[in-house]
ModelCIF file with pLDDT and N, C-alpha, C, O atoms, coordinates in Angstrom:
data_MODEL
#
_entry.id   MODEL 
#
_entity.id                         1 
_entity.type                       polymer 
_entity.pdbx_number_of_molecules   1 
#
_entity_poly.entity_id                      1 
_entity_poly.type                           'polypeptide(L)' 
_entity_poly.nstd_linkage                   no 
_entity_poly.nstd_monomer                   no 
_entity_poly.pdbx_seq_one_letter_code       ALARDGLVPGGAYRNRAYLGAQVWFDPSLPLEVTDLLFD 
_entity_poly.pdbx_seq_one_letter_code_can   ALARDGLVPGGAYRNRAYLGAQVWFDPSLPLEVTDLLFD 
_entity_poly.pdbx_strand_id                 A 
#
loop_
_entity_poly_seq.entity_id 
_entity_poly_seq.num 
_entity_poly_seq.mon_id 
_entity_poly_seq.hetero 
1 1  ALA n 
1 2  LEU n 
1 3  ALA n 
1 4  ARG n 
1 5  ASP n 
1 6  GLY n 
1 7  LEU n 
1 8  VAL n 
1 9  PRO n 
1 10 GLY n 
1 11 GLY n 
1 12 ALA n 
1 13 TYR n 
1 14 ARG n 
1 15 ASN n 
1 16 ARG n 
1 17 ALA n 
1 18 TYR n 
1 19 LEU n 
1 20 GLY n 
1 21 ALA n 
1 22 GLN n 
1 23 VAL n 
1 24 TRP n 
1 25 PHE n 
1 26 ASP n 
1 27 PRO n 
1 28 SER n 
1 29 LEU n 
1 30 PRO n 
1 31 LEU n 
1 32 GLU n 
1 33 VAL n 
1 34 THR n 
1 35 ASP n 
1 36 LEU n 
1 37 LEU n 
1 38 PHE n 
1 39 ASP n 
#
_struct_asym.id          A 
_struct_asym.entity_id   1 
#
loop_
_ma_qa_metric.id 
_ma_qa_metric.mode 
_ma_qa_metric.name 
_ma_qa_metric.software_group_id 
_ma_qa_metric.type 
1 global pLDDT . pLDDT 
2 local  pLDDT . pLDDT 
#
_ma_qa_metric_global.metric_id      1 
_ma_qa_metric_global.metric_value   95.15 
_ma_qa_metric_global.model_id       1 
_ma_qa_metric_global.ordinal_id     1 
#
loop_
_ma_qa_metric_local.label_asym_id 
_ma_qa_metric_local.label_comp_id 
_ma_qa_metric_local.label_seq_id 
_ma_qa_metric_local.metric_id 
_ma_qa_metric_local.metric_value 
_ma_qa_metric_local.model_id 
_ma_qa_metric_local.ordinal_id 
A ALA 1  2 96.00 1 1  
A LEU 2  2 97.00 1 2  
A ALA 3  2 97.00 1 3  
A ARG 4  2 96.00 1 4  
A ASP 5  2 94.00 1 5  
A GLY 6  2 93.00 1 6  
A LEU 7  2 94.00 1 7  
A VAL 8  2 95.00 1 8  
A PRO 9  2 94.00 1 9  
A GLY 10 2 92.00 1 10 
A GLY 11 2 92.00 1 11 
A ALA 12 2 94.00 1 12 
A TYR 13 2 94.00 1 13 
A ARG 14 2 92.00 1 14 
A ASN 15 2 93.00 1 15 
A ARG 16 2 95.00 1 16 
A ALA 17 2 93.00 1 17 
A TYR 18 2 91.00 1 18 
A LEU 19 2 92.00 1 19 
A GLY 20 2 88.00 1 20 
A ALA 21 2 93.00 1 21 
A GLN 22 2 95.00 1 22 
A VAL 23 2 97.00 1 23 
A TRP 24 2 98.00 1 24 
A PHE 25 2 98.00 1 25 
A ASP 26 2 97.00 1 26 
A PRO 27 2 96.00 1 27 
A SER 28 2 96.00 1 28 
A LEU 29 2 97.00 1 29 
A PRO 30 2 97.00 1 30 
A LEU 31 2 97.00 1 31 
A GLU 32 2 97.00 1 32 
A VAL 33 2 97.00 1 33 
A THR 34 2 97.00 1 34 
A ASP 35 2 97.00 1 35 
A LEU 36 2 98.00 1 36 
A LEU 37 2 98.00 1 37 
A PHE 38 2 97.00 1 38 
A ASP 39 2 97.00 1 39 
#
loop_
_atom_site.group_PDB 
_atom_site.id 
_atom_site.type_symbol 
_atom_site.label_atom_id 
_atom_site.label_alt_id 
_atom_site.label_comp_id 
_atom_site.label_asym_id 
_atom_site.label_entity_id 
_atom_site.label_seq_id 
_atom_site.pdbx_PDB_ins_code 
_atom_site.Cartn_x 
_atom_site.Cartn_y 
_atom_site.Cartn_z 
_atom_site.occupancy 
_atom_site.B_iso_or_equiv 
_atom_site.pdbx_formal_charge 
_atom_site.auth_seq_id 
_atom_site.auth_comp_id 
_atom_site.auth_asym_id 
_atom_site.auth_atom_id 
_atom_site.pdbx_PDB_model_num 
ATOM 1   N N  . ALA A 1 1  ? 48.355 -10.889 -56.348 1.00 96.00 ? 1  ALA A N  1 
ATOM 2   C CA . ALA A 1 1  ? 47.399 -11.082 -55.459 1.00 96.00 ? 1  ALA A CA 1 
ATOM 3   C C  . ALA A 1 1  ? 47.864 -11.188 -54.250 1.00 96.00 ? 1  ALA A C  1 
ATOM 4   O O  . ALA A 1 1  ? 47.728 -10.164 -53.580 1.00 96.00 ? 1  ALA A O  1 
ATOM 5   N N  . LEU A 1 2  ? 48.478 -12.269 -53.618 1.00 97.00 ? 2  LEU A N  1 
ATOM 6   C CA . LEU A 1 2  ? 48.976 -12.135 -52.594 1.00 97.00 ? 2  LEU A CA 1 
ATOM 7   C C  . LEU A 1 2  ? 49.601 -11.398 -51.625 1.00 97.00 ? 2  LEU A C  1 
ATOM 8   O O  . LEU A 1 2  ? 49.415 -11.477 -50.411 1.00 97.00 ? 2  LEU A O  1 
ATOM 9   N N  . ALA A 1 3  ? 50.725 -10.319 -52.513 1.00 97.00 ? 3  ALA A N  1 
ATOM 10  C CA . ALA A 1 3  ? 51.009 -9.413  -51.592 1.00 97.00 ? 3  ALA A CA 1 
ATOM 11  C C  . ALA A 1 3  ? 50.002 -8.378  -51.578 1.00 97.00 ? 3  ALA A C  1 
ATOM 12  O O  . ALA A 1 3  ? 50.272 -7.577  -50.683 1.00 97.00 ? 3  ALA A O  1 
ATOM 13  N N  . ARG A 1 4  ? 48.810 -8.027  -52.288 1.00 96.00 ? 4  ARG A N  1 
ATOM 14  C CA . ARG A 1 4  ? 47.673 -7.586  -51.911 1.00 96.00 ? 4  ARG A CA 1 
ATOM 15  C C  . ARG A 1 4  ? 47.197 -7.843  -50.589 1.00 96.00 ? 4  ARG A C  1 
ATOM 16  O O  . ARG A 1 4  ? 47.275 -6.885  -49.821 1.00 96.00 ? 4  ARG A O  1 
ATOM 17  N N  . ASP A 1 5  ? 46.837 -8.653  -50.248 1.00 94.00 ? 5  ASP A N  1 
ATOM 18  C CA . ASP A 1 5  ? 46.504 -9.556  -49.526 1.00 94.00 ? 5  ASP A CA 1 
ATOM 19  C C  . ASP A 1 5  ? 47.484 -9.400  -48.078 1.00 94.00 ? 5  ASP A C  1 
ATOM 20  O O  . ASP A 1 5  ? 46.859 -9.570  -47.031 1.00 94.00 ? 5  ASP A O  1 
ATOM 21  N N  . GLY A 1 6  ? 48.965 -9.090  -47.954 1.00 93.00 ? 6  GLY A N  1 
ATOM 22  C CA . GLY A 1 6  ? 49.658 -8.905  -47.054 1.00 93.00 ? 6  GLY A CA 1 
ATOM 23  C C  . GLY A 1 6  ? 50.460 -9.500  -46.627 1.00 93.00 ? 6  GLY A C  1 
ATOM 24  O O  . GLY A 1 6  ? 51.148 -9.177  -45.659 1.00 93.00 ? 6  GLY A O  1 
ATOM 25  N N  . LEU A 1 7  ? 50.589 -11.101 -47.647 1.00 94.00 ? 7  LEU A N  1 
ATOM 26  C CA . LEU A 1 7  ? 51.451 -11.981 -47.724 1.00 94.00 ? 7  LEU A CA 1 
ATOM 27  C C  . LEU A 1 7  ? 52.935 -11.548 -48.628 1.00 94.00 ? 7  LEU A C  1 
ATOM 28  O O  . LEU A 1 7  ? 53.189 -11.589 -49.832 1.00 94.00 ? 7  LEU A O  1 
ATOM 29  N N  . VAL A 1 8  ? 53.530 -11.236 -47.743 1.00 95.00 ? 8  VAL A N  1 
ATOM 30  C CA . VAL A 1 8  ? 54.746 -10.449 -48.158 1.00 95.00 ? 8  VAL A CA 1 
ATOM 31  C C  . VAL A 1 8  ? 55.993 -11.233 -46.718 1.00 95.00 ? 8  VAL A C  1 
ATOM 32  O O  . VAL A 1 8  ? 55.886 -11.068 -45.503 1.00 95.00 ? 8  VAL A O  1 
ATOM 33  N N  . PRO A 1 9  ? 57.021 -12.018 -47.440 1.00 94.00 ? 9  PRO A N  1 
ATOM 34  C CA . PRO A 1 9  ? 57.788 -12.441 -46.486 1.00 94.00 ? 9  PRO A CA 1 
ATOM 35  C C  . PRO A 1 9  ? 58.837 -11.162 -46.263 1.00 94.00 ? 9  PRO A C  1 
ATOM 36  O O  . PRO A 1 9  ? 59.044 -10.166 -46.957 1.00 94.00 ? 9  PRO A O  1 
ATOM 37  N N  . GLY A 1 10 ? 59.681 -11.822 -44.407 1.00 92.00 ? 10 GLY A N  1 
ATOM 38  C CA . GLY A 1 10 ? 60.583 -10.656 -44.059 1.00 92.00 ? 10 GLY A CA 1 
ATOM 39  C C  . GLY A 1 10 ? 61.882 -10.258 -44.979 1.00 92.00 ? 10 GLY A C  1 
ATOM 40  O O  . GLY A 1 10 ? 62.575 -9.242  -44.918 1.00 92.00 ? 10 GLY A O  1 
ATOM 41  N N  . GLY A 1 11 ? 61.950 -11.018 -45.564 1.00 92.00 ? 11 GLY A N  1 
ATOM 42  C CA . GLY A 1 11 ? 63.345 -10.618 -46.587 1.00 92.00 ? 11 GLY A CA 1 
ATOM 43  C C  . GLY A 1 11 ? 62.697 -9.435  -47.561 1.00 92.00 ? 11 GLY A C  1 
ATOM 44  O O  . GLY A 1 11 ? 63.550 -8.872  -48.246 1.00 92.00 ? 11 GLY A O  1 
ATOM 45  N N  . ALA A 1 12 ? 61.541 -9.035  -47.712 1.00 94.00 ? 12 ALA A N  1 
ATOM 46  C CA . ALA A 1 12 ? 61.250 -7.594  -48.303 1.00 94.00 ? 12 ALA A CA 1 
ATOM 47  C C  . ALA A 1 12 ? 61.166 -6.588  -47.551 1.00 94.00 ? 12 ALA A C  1 
ATOM 48  O O  . ALA A 1 12 ? 61.450 -5.453  -47.932 1.00 94.00 ? 12 ALA A O  1 
ATOM 49  N N  . TYR A 1 13 ? 60.690 -6.932  -46.171 1.00 94.00 ? 13 TYR A N  1 
ATOM 50  C CA . TYR A 1 13 ? 60.423 -5.963  -45.127 1.00 94.00 ? 13 TYR A CA 1 
ATOM 51  C C  . TYR A 1 13 ? 62.201 -5.426  -44.817 1.00 94.00 ? 13 TYR A C  1 
ATOM 52  O O  . TYR A 1 13 ? 62.488 -4.287  -44.446 1.00 94.00 ? 13 TYR A O  1 
ATOM 53  N N  . ARG A 1 14 ? 63.144 -6.450  -45.052 1.00 92.00 ? 14 ARG A N  1 
ATOM 54  C CA . ARG A 1 14 ? 64.526 -5.772  -44.099 1.00 92.00 ? 14 ARG A CA 1 
ATOM 55  C C  . ARG A 1 14 ? 65.248 -4.961  -45.762 1.00 92.00 ? 14 ARG A C  1 
ATOM 56  O O  . ARG A 1 14 ? 66.003 -3.994  -45.865 1.00 92.00 ? 14 ARG A O  1 
ATOM 57  N N  . ASN A 1 15 ? 64.783 -5.624  -46.587 1.00 93.00 ? 15 ASN A N  1 
ATOM 58  C CA . ASN A 1 15 ? 65.334 -4.844  -47.994 1.00 93.00 ? 15 ASN A CA 1 
ATOM 59  C C  . ASN A 1 15 ? 64.141 -3.571  -47.687 1.00 93.00 ? 15 ASN A C  1 
ATOM 60  O O  . ASN A 1 15 ? 64.953 -2.704  -47.362 1.00 93.00 ? 15 ASN A O  1 
ATOM 61  N N  . ARG A 1 16 ? 63.154 -3.068  -47.601 1.00 95.00 ? 16 ARG A N  1 
ATOM 62  C CA . ARG A 1 16 ? 62.743 -1.996  -47.660 1.00 95.00 ? 16 ARG A CA 1 
ATOM 63  C C  . ARG A 1 16 ? 63.208 -1.167  -46.401 1.00 95.00 ? 16 ARG A C  1 
ATOM 64  O O  . ARG A 1 16 ? 63.106 0.053   -46.528 1.00 95.00 ? 16 ARG A O  1 
ATOM 65  N N  . ALA A 1 17 ? 63.678 -1.618  -45.270 1.00 93.00 ? 17 ALA A N  1 
ATOM 66  C CA . ALA A 1 17 ? 63.854 -0.983  -44.065 1.00 93.00 ? 17 ALA A CA 1 
ATOM 67  C C  . ALA A 1 17 ? 65.390 -0.557  -44.485 1.00 93.00 ? 17 ALA A C  1 
ATOM 68  O O  . ALA A 1 17 ? 65.830 0.365   -43.798 1.00 93.00 ? 17 ALA A O  1 
ATOM 69  N N  . TYR A 1 18 ? 66.158 -0.998  -45.357 1.00 91.00 ? 18 TYR A N  1 
ATOM 70  C CA . TYR A 1 18 ? 67.285 -0.629  -45.897 1.00 91.00 ? 18 TYR A CA 1 
ATOM 71  C C  . TYR A 1 18 ? 67.574 0.010   -46.290 1.00 91.00 ? 18 TYR A C  1 
ATOM 72  O O  . TYR A 1 18 ? 68.265 0.881   -45.761 1.00 91.00 ? 18 TYR A O  1 
ATOM 73  N N  . LEU A 1 19 ? 67.070 -0.023  -48.017 1.00 92.00 ? 19 LEU A N  1 
ATOM 74  C CA . LEU A 1 19 ? 66.731 0.647   -49.302 1.00 92.00 ? 19 LEU A CA 1 
ATOM 75  C C  . LEU A 1 19 ? 65.621 1.561   -49.460 1.00 92.00 ? 19 LEU A C  1 
ATOM 76  O O  . LEU A 1 19 ? 65.423 2.123   -50.538 1.00 92.00 ? 19 LEU A O  1 
ATOM 77  N N  . GLY A 1 20 ? 64.933 1.731   -48.510 1.00 88.00 ? 20 GLY A N  1 
ATOM 78  C CA . GLY A 1 20 ? 63.648 2.735   -48.875 1.00 88.00 ? 20 GLY A CA 1 
ATOM 79  C C  . GLY A 1 20 ? 64.107 3.905   -48.727 1.00 88.00 ? 20 GLY A C  1 
ATOM 80  O O  . GLY A 1 20 ? 63.599 4.482   -49.689 1.00 88.00 ? 20 GLY A O  1 
ATOM 81  N N  . ALA A 1 21 ? 64.817 4.779   -48.098 1.00 93.00 ? 21 ALA A N  1 
ATOM 82  C CA . ALA A 1 21 ? 65.326 5.918   -48.563 1.00 93.00 ? 21 ALA A CA 1 
ATOM 83  C C  . ALA A 1 21 ? 66.170 6.437   -49.657 1.00 93.00 ? 21 ALA A C  1 
ATOM 84  O O  . ALA A 1 21 ? 66.565 7.582   -49.873 1.00 93.00 ? 21 ALA A O  1 
ATOM 85  N N  . GLN A 1 22 ? 66.364 5.283   -50.326 1.00 95.00 ? 22 GLN A N  1 
ATOM 86  C CA . GLN A 1 22 ? 67.211 5.816   -51.374 1.00 95.00 ? 22 GLN A CA 1 
ATOM 87  C C  . GLN A 1 22 ? 66.830 5.413   -52.627 1.00 95.00 ? 22 GLN A C  1 
ATOM 88  O O  . GLN A 1 22 ? 67.556 5.403   -53.621 1.00 95.00 ? 22 GLN A O  1 
ATOM 89  N N  . VAL A 1 23 ? 65.079 4.907   -52.535 1.00 97.00 ? 23 VAL A N  1 
ATOM 90  C CA . VAL A 1 23 ? 64.210 5.069   -53.529 1.00 97.00 ? 23 VAL A CA 1 
ATOM 91  C C  . VAL A 1 23 ? 63.433 5.720   -53.529 1.00 97.00 ? 23 VAL A C  1 
ATOM 92  O O  . VAL A 1 23 ? 62.932 5.889   -52.417 1.00 97.00 ? 23 VAL A O  1 
ATOM 93  N N  . TRP A 1 24 ? 62.684 6.668   -54.933 1.00 98.00 ? 24 TRP A N  1 
ATOM 94  C CA . TRP A 1 24 ? 61.592 7.165   -54.659 1.00 98.00 ? 24 TRP A CA 1 
ATOM 95  C C  . TRP A 1 24 ? 60.891 6.691   -55.846 1.00 98.00 ? 24 TRP A C  1 
ATOM 96  O O  . TRP A 1 24 ? 61.314 6.444   -56.975 1.00 98.00 ? 24 TRP A O  1 
ATOM 97  N N  . PHE A 1 25 ? 59.406 6.600   -55.202 1.00 98.00 ? 25 PHE A N  1 
ATOM 98  C CA . PHE A 1 25 ? 58.031 5.813   -55.973 1.00 98.00 ? 25 PHE A CA 1 
ATOM 99  C C  . PHE A 1 25 ? 57.285 6.788   -56.395 1.00 98.00 ? 25 PHE A C  1 
ATOM 100 O O  . PHE A 1 25 ? 57.187 7.862   -55.803 1.00 98.00 ? 25 PHE A O  1 
ATOM 101 N N  . ASP A 1 26 ? 56.811 6.552   -57.248 1.00 97.00 ? 26 ASP A N  1 
ATOM 102 C CA . ASP A 1 26 ? 55.561 7.881   -58.189 1.00 97.00 ? 26 ASP A CA 1 
ATOM 103 C C  . ASP A 1 26 ? 54.704 6.756   -56.774 1.00 97.00 ? 26 ASP A C  1 
ATOM 104 O O  . ASP A 1 26 ? 54.750 5.582   -56.408 1.00 97.00 ? 26 ASP A O  1 
ATOM 105 N N  . PRO A 1 27 ? 53.829 8.326   -56.296 1.00 96.00 ? 27 PRO A N  1 
ATOM 106 C CA . PRO A 1 27 ? 53.017 7.986   -55.120 1.00 96.00 ? 27 PRO A CA 1 
ATOM 107 C C  . PRO A 1 27 ? 51.772 7.835   -55.421 1.00 96.00 ? 27 PRO A C  1 
ATOM 108 O O  . PRO A 1 27 ? 50.821 8.095   -54.684 1.00 96.00 ? 27 PRO A O  1 
ATOM 109 N N  . SER A 1 28 ? 51.723 7.280   -56.846 1.00 96.00 ? 28 SER A N  1 
ATOM 110 C CA . SER A 1 28 ? 50.427 6.650   -57.724 1.00 96.00 ? 28 SER A CA 1 
ATOM 111 C C  . SER A 1 28 ? 50.682 4.705   -57.517 1.00 96.00 ? 28 SER A C  1 
ATOM 112 O O  . SER A 1 28 ? 49.669 4.005   -57.502 1.00 96.00 ? 28 SER A O  1 
ATOM 113 N N  . LEU A 1 29 ? 51.920 4.120   -57.392 1.00 97.00 ? 29 LEU A N  1 
ATOM 114 C CA . LEU A 1 29 ? 51.431 2.547   -56.937 1.00 97.00 ? 29 LEU A CA 1 
ATOM 115 C C  . LEU A 1 29 ? 51.479 2.751   -55.897 1.00 97.00 ? 29 LEU A C  1 
ATOM 116 O O  . LEU A 1 29 ? 52.007 3.561   -55.135 1.00 97.00 ? 29 LEU A O  1 
ATOM 117 N N  . PRO A 1 30 ? 50.166 0.999   -55.839 1.00 97.00 ? 30 PRO A N  1 
ATOM 118 C CA . PRO A 1 30 ? 50.021 0.820   -54.817 1.00 97.00 ? 30 PRO A CA 1 
ATOM 119 C C  . PRO A 1 30 ? 50.901 -0.201  -54.064 1.00 97.00 ? 30 PRO A C  1 
ATOM 120 O O  . PRO A 1 30 ? 51.883 -0.679  -54.631 1.00 97.00 ? 30 PRO A O  1 
ATOM 121 N N  . LEU A 1 31 ? 50.586 -0.538  -52.839 1.00 97.00 ? 31 LEU A N  1 
ATOM 122 C CA . LEU A 1 31 ? 51.838 -0.858  -52.006 1.00 97.00 ? 31 LEU A CA 1 
ATOM 123 C C  . LEU A 1 31 ? 52.071 -2.672  -52.424 1.00 97.00 ? 31 LEU A C  1 
ATOM 124 O O  . LEU A 1 31 ? 53.113 -2.956  -51.832 1.00 97.00 ? 31 LEU A O  1 
ATOM 125 N N  . GLU A 1 32 ? 51.730 -3.540  -52.919 1.00 97.00 ? 32 GLU A N  1 
ATOM 126 C CA . GLU A 1 32 ? 51.680 -4.605  -53.410 1.00 97.00 ? 32 GLU A CA 1 
ATOM 127 C C  . GLU A 1 32 ? 52.781 -4.649  -54.548 1.00 97.00 ? 32 GLU A C  1 
ATOM 128 O O  . GLU A 1 32 ? 53.665 -5.496  -54.677 1.00 97.00 ? 32 GLU A O  1 
ATOM 129 N N  . VAL A 1 33 ? 52.530 -3.554  -55.337 1.00 97.00 ? 33 VAL A N  1 
ATOM 130 C CA . VAL A 1 33 ? 53.726 -3.246  -56.035 1.00 97.00 ? 33 VAL A CA 1 
ATOM 131 C C  . VAL A 1 33 ? 55.166 -2.923  -55.873 1.00 97.00 ? 33 VAL A C  1 
ATOM 132 O O  . VAL A 1 33 ? 56.099 -3.201  -56.626 1.00 97.00 ? 33 VAL A O  1 
ATOM 133 N N  . THR A 1 34 ? 55.166 -2.283  -54.745 1.00 97.00 ? 34 THR A N  1 
ATOM 134 C CA . THR A 1 34 ? 56.431 -2.024  -54.276 1.00 97.00 ? 34 THR A CA 1 
ATOM 135 C C  . THR A 1 34 ? 56.684 -3.384  -53.551 1.00 97.00 ? 34 THR A C  1 
ATOM 136 O O  . THR A 1 34 ? 57.705 -4.065  -53.639 1.00 97.00 ? 34 THR A O  1 
ATOM 137 N N  . ASP A 1 35 ? 55.621 -3.638  -52.855 1.00 97.00 ? 35 ASP A N  1 
ATOM 138 C CA . ASP A 1 35 ? 56.693 -4.698  -52.054 1.00 97.00 ? 35 ASP A CA 1 
ATOM 139 C C  . ASP A 1 35 ? 57.015 -5.745  -53.131 1.00 97.00 ? 35 ASP A C  1 
ATOM 140 O O  . ASP A 1 35 ? 57.995 -6.349  -52.693 1.00 97.00 ? 35 ASP A O  1 
ATOM 141 N N  . LEU A 1 36 ? 56.689 -6.236  -54.271 1.00 98.00 ? 36 LEU A N  1 
ATOM 142 C CA . LEU A 1 36 ? 57.444 -7.430  -54.969 1.00 98.00 ? 36 LEU A CA 1 
ATOM 143 C C  . LEU A 1 36 ? 58.948 -6.419  -55.651 1.00 98.00 ? 36 LEU A C  1 
ATOM 144 O O  . LEU A 1 36 ? 60.111 -6.822  -55.683 1.00 98.00 ? 36 LEU A O  1 
ATOM 145 N N  . LEU A 1 37 ? 58.590 -5.470  -55.987 1.00 98.00 ? 37 LEU A N  1 
ATOM 146 C CA . LEU A 1 37 ? 60.110 -4.812  -55.741 1.00 98.00 ? 37 LEU A CA 1 
ATOM 147 C C  . LEU A 1 37 ? 61.212 -4.877  -55.227 1.00 98.00 ? 37 LEU A C  1 
ATOM 148 O O  . LEU A 1 37 ? 62.332 -4.777  -55.729 1.00 98.00 ? 37 LEU A O  1 
ATOM 149 N N  . PHE A 1 38 ? 60.611 -5.194  -53.344 1.00 97.00 ? 38 PHE A N  1 
ATOM 150 C CA . PHE A 1 38 ? 62.060 -5.582  -52.923 1.00 97.00 ? 38 PHE A CA 1 
ATOM 151 C C  . PHE A 1 38 ? 61.726 -6.559  -52.203 1.00 97.00 ? 38 PHE A C  1 
ATOM 152 O O  . PHE A 1 38 ? 61.812 -6.393  -50.987 1.00 97.00 ? 38 PHE A O  1 
ATOM 153 N N  . ASP A 1 39 ? 61.164 -8.093  -52.810 1.00 97.00 ? 39 ASP A N  1 
ATOM 154 C CA . ASP A 1 39 ? 60.946 -8.738  -52.531 1.00 97.00 ? 39 ASP A CA 1 
ATOM 155 C C  . ASP A 1 39 ? 61.989 -10.008 -53.268 1.00 97.00 ? 39 ASP A C  1 
ATOM 156 O O  . ASP A 1 39 ? 61.829 -11.191 -52.967 1.00 97.00 ? 39 ASP A O  1 
#
């Protein structure tokens, strides 16, 4: 619920920036779910 409201730590954004190109996501997945996978 908090991730859905945009409360995501900076470390998750750093992980996404580095790993994003290595990961394929089902387009139906909401952003808050993918944020928690980088959390």
